[in-house]
Amino acid sequence: MRVLGVAAIFAFLAGLFLGGLTGPARAQQLPNINLLADQPSKTPEEKEADEAKDKAYKESLKKIPEAKVSSDPWGGVRSPDAPKTPAAKATASAKPKAKAGNNPN
């Protein structure tokens, strides 16, 4: 009887270490399929057409002028003579003086 119990425990542990309990996790993995190898290679005419398209695209990019406009979104709203920064307030001289008996420390 003990031999049967030991054999059952050994079978369970062997199944555990050999992936017996990871069956459902394996079902969630994607199969290893290489779809790119099945596509035929391009003919020399197709390669030349692709190179011509790339060259035309790069030439069209060279024709676009450089943008030298300011990126200020409110530039059209402000007047040209308005100051760039707001005027500093004179709050330093208008501080209220503390009374002698009210020390905050």
N, C-alpha and C. Protein backbone atom coordinates (compact mmCIF):
# COMPACT_ATOMS: atom_id res chain seq x y z
N MET A 1 0.82 -1.18 0.00
CA MET A 1 0.00 0.00 0.00
C MET A 1 0.87 1.26 0.00
N ARG A 2 1.94 1.24 0.80
CA ARG A 2 2.83 2.40 0.86
C ARG A 2 3.50 2.62 -0.49
N VAL A 3 3.82 1.57 -1.18
CA VAL A 3 4.47 1.68 -2.48
C VAL A 3 3.53 2.37 -3.47
N LEU A 4 2.26 2.04 -3.41
CA LEU A 4 1.28 2.67 -4.29
C LEU A 4 1.13 4.16 -3.96
N GLY A 5 1.13 4.52 -2.70
CA GLY A 5 1.03 5.92 -2.29
C GLY A 5 2.26 6.72 -2.70
N VAL A 6 3.42 6.14 -2.52
CA VAL A 6 4.67 6.80 -2.91
C VAL A 6 4.70 6.97 -4.43
N ALA A 7 4.26 5.98 -5.16
CA ALA A 7 4.23 6.06 -6.62
C ALA A 7 3.26 7.15 -7.09
N ALA A 8 2.12 7.28 -6.41
CA ALA A 8 1.14 8.31 -6.78
C ALA A 8 1.71 9.71 -6.52
N ILE A 9 2.37 9.86 -5.38
CA ILE A 9 2.98 11.16 -5.06
C ILE A 9 4.08 11.48 -6.06
N PHE A 10 4.90 10.51 -6.40
CA PHE A 10 5.97 10.71 -7.37
C PHE A 10 5.39 11.08 -8.74
N ALA A 11 4.31 10.44 -9.16
CA ALA A 11 3.68 10.74 -10.44
C ALA A 11 3.11 12.17 -10.45
N PHE A 12 2.53 12.56 -9.33
CA PHE A 12 1.99 13.92 -9.24
C PHE A 12 3.09 14.97 -9.32
N LEU A 13 4.18 14.75 -8.58
CA LEU A 13 5.28 15.71 -8.61
C LEU A 13 5.97 15.73 -9.97
N ALA A 14 6.10 14.58 -10.60
CA ALA A 14 6.71 14.54 -11.92
C ALA A 14 5.83 15.30 -12.92
N GLY A 15 4.55 15.15 -12.82
CA GLY A 15 3.63 15.87 -13.69
C GLY A 15 3.67 17.37 -13.43
N LEU A 16 3.85 17.72 -12.18
CA LEU A 16 3.94 19.13 -11.82
C LEU A 16 5.19 19.77 -12.40
N PHE A 17 6.31 19.09 -12.31
CA PHE A 17 7.57 19.66 -12.80
C PHE A 17 7.72 19.55 -14.31
N LEU A 18 7.08 18.61 -14.91
CA LEU A 18 7.20 18.44 -16.36
C LEU A 18 6.15 19.21 -17.13
N GLY A 19 5.35 20.01 -16.47
CA GLY A 19 4.40 20.87 -17.16
C GLY A 19 3.01 20.30 -17.26
N GLY A 20 2.68 19.37 -16.43
CA GLY A 20 1.35 18.80 -16.46
C GLY A 20 0.28 19.80 -16.07
N LEU A 21 0.60 20.73 -15.20
CA LEU A 21 -0.39 21.72 -14.76
C LEU A 21 -0.33 23.02 -15.55
N THR A 22 0.57 23.12 -16.51
CA THR A 22 0.68 24.35 -17.30
C THR A 22 -0.01 24.22 -18.64
N GLY A 23 -0.84 23.23 -18.82
CA GLY A 23 -1.55 23.04 -20.08
C GLY A 23 -2.43 24.23 -20.46
N PRO A 24 -3.26 24.73 -19.57
CA PRO A 24 -4.10 25.89 -19.93
C PRO A 24 -3.28 27.15 -20.24
N ALA A 25 -2.13 27.32 -19.59
CA ALA A 25 -1.31 28.50 -19.87
C ALA A 25 -0.70 28.40 -21.26
N ARG A 26 -0.37 27.19 -21.69
CA ARG A 26 0.18 27.03 -23.03
C ARG A 26 -0.85 27.33 -24.10
N ALA A 27 -2.11 27.14 -23.79
CA ALA A 27 -3.16 27.40 -24.76
C ALA A 27 -3.30 28.89 -25.05
N GLN A 28 -2.80 29.74 -24.19
CA GLN A 28 -2.91 31.17 -24.39
C GLN A 28 -1.79 31.73 -25.24
N GLN A 29 -0.77 30.98 -25.53
CA GLN A 29 0.33 31.45 -26.33
C GLN A 29 0.00 31.34 -27.81
N LEU A 30 0.54 32.25 -28.60
CA LEU A 30 0.34 32.19 -30.04
C LEU A 30 1.27 31.17 -30.66
N PRO A 31 0.82 30.51 -31.69
CA PRO A 31 1.73 29.57 -32.35
C PRO A 31 2.82 30.31 -33.10
N ASN A 32 3.95 29.67 -33.27
CA ASN A 32 5.07 30.27 -33.98
C ASN A 32 4.88 30.07 -35.48
N ILE A 33 4.33 31.08 -36.12
CA ILE A 33 4.08 31.01 -37.56
C ILE A 33 4.82 32.17 -38.22
N ASN A 34 5.61 31.87 -39.23
CA ASN A 34 6.33 32.89 -39.97
C ASN A 34 5.58 33.14 -41.27
N LEU A 35 4.89 34.24 -41.36
CA LEU A 35 4.10 34.54 -42.55
C LEU A 35 4.91 35.25 -43.62
N LEU A 36 6.05 35.81 -43.27
CA LEU A 36 6.84 36.56 -44.25
C LEU A 36 7.57 35.66 -45.22
N ALA A 37 7.87 34.44 -44.84
CA ALA A 37 8.62 33.55 -45.71
C ALA A 37 7.77 33.06 -46.88
N ASP A 38 6.44 33.12 -46.74
CA ASP A 38 5.56 32.62 -47.79
C ASP A 38 5.34 33.63 -48.91
N GLN A 39 5.70 34.89 -48.70
CA GLN A 39 5.48 35.91 -49.72
C GLN A 39 6.56 35.82 -50.79
N PRO A 40 6.16 35.98 -52.04
CA PRO A 40 7.18 35.97 -53.10
C PRO A 40 8.00 37.25 -53.05
N SER A 41 9.25 37.17 -53.49
CA SER A 41 10.10 38.35 -53.49
C SER A 41 9.68 39.29 -54.62
N LYS A 42 10.09 40.53 -54.52
CA LYS A 42 9.71 41.52 -55.53
C LYS A 42 10.53 41.33 -56.80
N THR A 43 9.88 41.64 -57.90
CA THR A 43 10.58 41.57 -59.18
C THR A 43 11.46 42.80 -59.32
N PRO A 44 12.44 42.78 -60.21
CA PRO A 44 13.29 43.97 -60.40
C PRO A 44 12.49 45.21 -60.80
N GLU A 45 11.40 45.02 -61.55
CA GLU A 45 10.58 46.18 -61.94
C GLU A 45 9.89 46.78 -60.71
N GLU A 46 9.41 45.92 -59.80
CA GLU A 46 8.76 46.42 -58.59
C GLU A 46 9.77 47.13 -57.69
N LYS A 47 10.98 46.62 -57.63
CA LYS A 47 12.02 47.27 -56.83
C LYS A 47 12.36 48.64 -57.40
N GLU A 48 12.45 48.73 -58.72
CA GLU A 48 12.74 50.03 -59.35
C GLU A 48 11.59 51.00 -59.13
N ALA A 49 10.35 50.51 -59.19
CA ALA A 49 9.20 51.38 -58.96
C ALA A 49 9.21 51.90 -57.52
N ASP A 50 9.56 51.03 -56.56
CA ASP A 50 9.63 51.47 -55.17
C ASP A 50 10.72 52.51 -54.97
N GLU A 51 11.87 52.31 -55.60
CA GLU A 51 12.95 53.29 -55.50
C GLU A 51 12.55 54.62 -56.12
N ALA A 52 11.81 54.58 -57.23
CA ALA A 52 11.36 55.82 -57.87
C ALA A 52 10.37 56.55 -56.96
N LYS A 53 9.49 55.80 -56.31
CA LYS A 53 8.53 56.41 -55.38
C LYS A 53 9.26 57.05 -54.21
N ASP A 54 10.24 56.36 -53.67
CA ASP A 54 11.00 56.91 -52.55
C ASP A 54 11.75 58.17 -52.95
N LYS A 55 12.32 58.16 -54.13
CA LYS A 55 13.06 59.33 -54.60
C LYS A 55 12.12 60.51 -54.81
N ALA A 56 10.94 60.26 -55.39
CA ALA A 56 9.97 61.34 -55.60
C ALA A 56 9.49 61.89 -54.25
N TYR A 57 9.30 61.01 -53.28
CA TYR A 57 8.87 61.46 -51.96
C TYR A 57 9.93 62.35 -51.31
N LYS A 58 11.19 61.94 -51.39
CA LYS A 58 12.26 62.74 -50.79
C LYS A 58 12.41 64.09 -51.50
N GLU A 59 12.23 64.10 -52.82
CA GLU A 59 12.30 65.37 -53.56
C GLU A 59 11.15 66.29 -53.16
N SER A 60 9.96 65.73 -52.93
CA SER A 60 8.83 66.56 -52.53
C SER A 60 9.04 67.14 -51.14
N LEU A 61 9.73 66.40 -50.27
CA LEU A 61 10.02 66.92 -48.94
C LEU A 61 10.99 68.10 -49.00
N LYS A 62 11.89 68.09 -49.96
CA LYS A 62 12.86 69.19 -50.10
C LYS A 62 12.18 70.46 -50.58
N LYS A 63 11.04 70.34 -51.25
CA LYS A 63 10.34 71.51 -51.78
C LYS A 63 9.52 72.25 -50.72
N ILE A 64 9.31 71.63 -49.58
CA ILE A 64 8.53 72.26 -48.51
C ILE A 64 9.39 73.32 -47.85
N PRO A 65 8.91 74.57 -47.77
CA PRO A 65 9.72 75.62 -47.14
C PRO A 65 9.80 75.43 -45.63
N GLU A 66 10.87 75.94 -45.06
CA GLU A 66 11.05 75.87 -43.62
C GLU A 66 10.09 76.85 -42.95
N ALA A 67 9.46 76.44 -41.87
CA ALA A 67 8.53 77.28 -41.14
C ALA A 67 9.30 78.20 -40.21
N LYS A 68 9.24 79.50 -40.45
CA LYS A 68 9.94 80.47 -39.60
C LYS A 68 8.94 81.35 -38.85
N VAL A 69 7.73 80.89 -38.73
CA VAL A 69 6.68 81.62 -38.05
C VAL A 69 6.75 81.31 -36.56
N SER A 70 6.46 82.30 -35.75
CA SER A 70 6.46 82.11 -34.31
C SER A 70 5.37 81.12 -33.92
N SER A 71 5.63 80.36 -32.90
CA SER A 71 4.65 79.38 -32.44
C SER A 71 3.77 79.94 -31.32
N ASP A 72 3.62 81.25 -31.26
CA ASP A 72 2.81 81.90 -30.25
C ASP A 72 1.34 81.80 -30.64
N PRO A 73 0.51 81.05 -29.91
CA PRO A 73 -0.88 80.91 -30.29
C PRO A 73 -1.70 82.18 -30.10
N TRP A 74 -1.26 83.09 -29.25
CA TRP A 74 -1.99 84.33 -29.01
C TRP A 74 -1.37 85.50 -29.77
N GLY A 75 -0.48 85.23 -30.68
CA GLY A 75 0.21 86.30 -31.40
C GLY A 75 -0.73 87.17 -32.22
N GLY A 76 -1.79 86.60 -32.78
CA GLY A 76 -2.73 87.38 -33.57
C GLY A 76 -3.66 88.21 -32.73
N VAL A 77 -3.77 87.91 -31.45
CA VAL A 77 -4.69 88.62 -30.57
C VAL A 77 -4.02 89.84 -29.93
N ARG A 78 -2.75 89.71 -29.60
CA ARG A 78 -2.03 90.80 -28.94
C ARG A 78 -1.74 91.93 -29.92
N SER A 79 -1.68 93.12 -29.39
CA SER A 79 -1.27 94.25 -30.21
C SER A 79 0.26 94.27 -30.27
N PRO A 80 0.84 94.80 -31.33
CA PRO A 80 2.30 94.76 -31.45
C PRO A 80 3.04 95.59 -30.41
N ASP A 81 2.40 96.62 -29.81
CA ASP A 81 3.08 97.44 -28.83
C ASP A 81 2.81 97.00 -27.39
N ALA A 82 2.10 95.87 -27.19
CA ALA A 82 1.81 95.38 -25.85
C ALA A 82 3.09 94.80 -25.25
N PRO A 83 3.28 94.94 -23.93
CA PRO A 83 4.47 94.38 -23.31
C PRO A 83 4.43 92.84 -23.35
N LYS A 84 5.61 92.24 -23.45
CA LYS A 84 5.71 90.78 -23.52
C LYS A 84 5.42 90.13 -22.18
N THR A 85 5.83 90.78 -21.07
CA THR A 85 5.59 90.22 -19.74
C THR A 85 4.69 91.17 -18.97
N PRO A 86 3.91 90.68 -18.04
CA PRO A 86 3.05 91.56 -17.24
C PRO A 86 3.89 92.45 -16.34
N ALA A 87 3.37 93.63 -16.07
CA ALA A 87 4.08 94.59 -15.22
C ALA A 87 4.17 94.06 -13.79
N ALA A 88 5.31 94.26 -13.17
CA ALA A 88 5.51 93.81 -11.79
C ALA A 88 4.71 94.71 -10.86
N LYS A 89 4.05 94.09 -9.92
CA LYS A 89 3.25 94.86 -8.97
C LYS A 89 4.15 95.39 -7.86
N ALA A 90 3.78 96.51 -7.34
CA ALA A 90 4.56 97.15 -6.28
C ALA A 90 4.02 96.72 -4.93
N THR A 91 4.04 95.43 -4.66
CA THR A 91 3.52 94.94 -3.39
C THR A 91 4.57 94.96 -2.29
N ALA A 92 5.82 95.07 -2.64
CA ALA A 92 6.87 95.04 -1.62
C ALA A 92 6.80 96.26 -0.71
N SER A 93 6.45 97.42 -1.27
CA SER A 93 6.40 98.63 -0.44
C SER A 93 5.06 98.77 0.27
N ALA A 94 4.05 98.00 -0.11
CA ALA A 94 2.74 98.13 0.49
C ALA A 94 2.47 97.07 1.55
N LYS A 95 3.50 96.45 2.11
CA LYS A 95 3.30 95.43 3.13
C LYS A 95 2.80 96.10 4.41
N PRO A 96 1.82 95.48 5.07
CA PRO A 96 1.35 96.06 6.34
C PRO A 96 2.38 95.79 7.44
N LYS A 97 2.55 96.76 8.28
CA LYS A 97 3.53 96.63 9.36
C LYS A 97 2.90 95.84 10.51
N ALA A 98 3.68 94.97 11.10
CA ALA A 98 3.18 94.15 12.20
C ALA A 98 3.19 94.98 13.49
N LYS A 99 2.21 94.73 14.33
CA LYS A 99 2.14 95.41 15.62
C LYS A 99 3.16 94.79 16.57
N ALA A 100 3.52 95.51 17.58
CA ALA A 100 4.58 95.09 18.49
C ALA A 100 4.21 93.82 19.27
N GLY A 101 2.96 93.60 19.59
CA GLY A 101 2.56 92.48 20.42
C GLY A 101 2.16 91.25 19.61
N ASN A 102 2.12 91.32 18.32
CA ASN A 102 1.66 90.19 17.50
C ASN A 102 2.81 89.56 16.73
N ASN A 103 3.72 88.94 17.41
CA ASN A 103 4.85 88.29 16.76
C ASN A 103 4.40 86.88 16.36
N PRO A 104 4.44 86.52 15.08
CA PRO A 104 3.95 85.21 14.64
C PRO A 104 4.87 84.06 15.06
N ASN A 105 6.07 84.33 15.51
CA ASN A 105 6.98 83.26 15.91
C ASN A 105 6.62 82.80 17.25
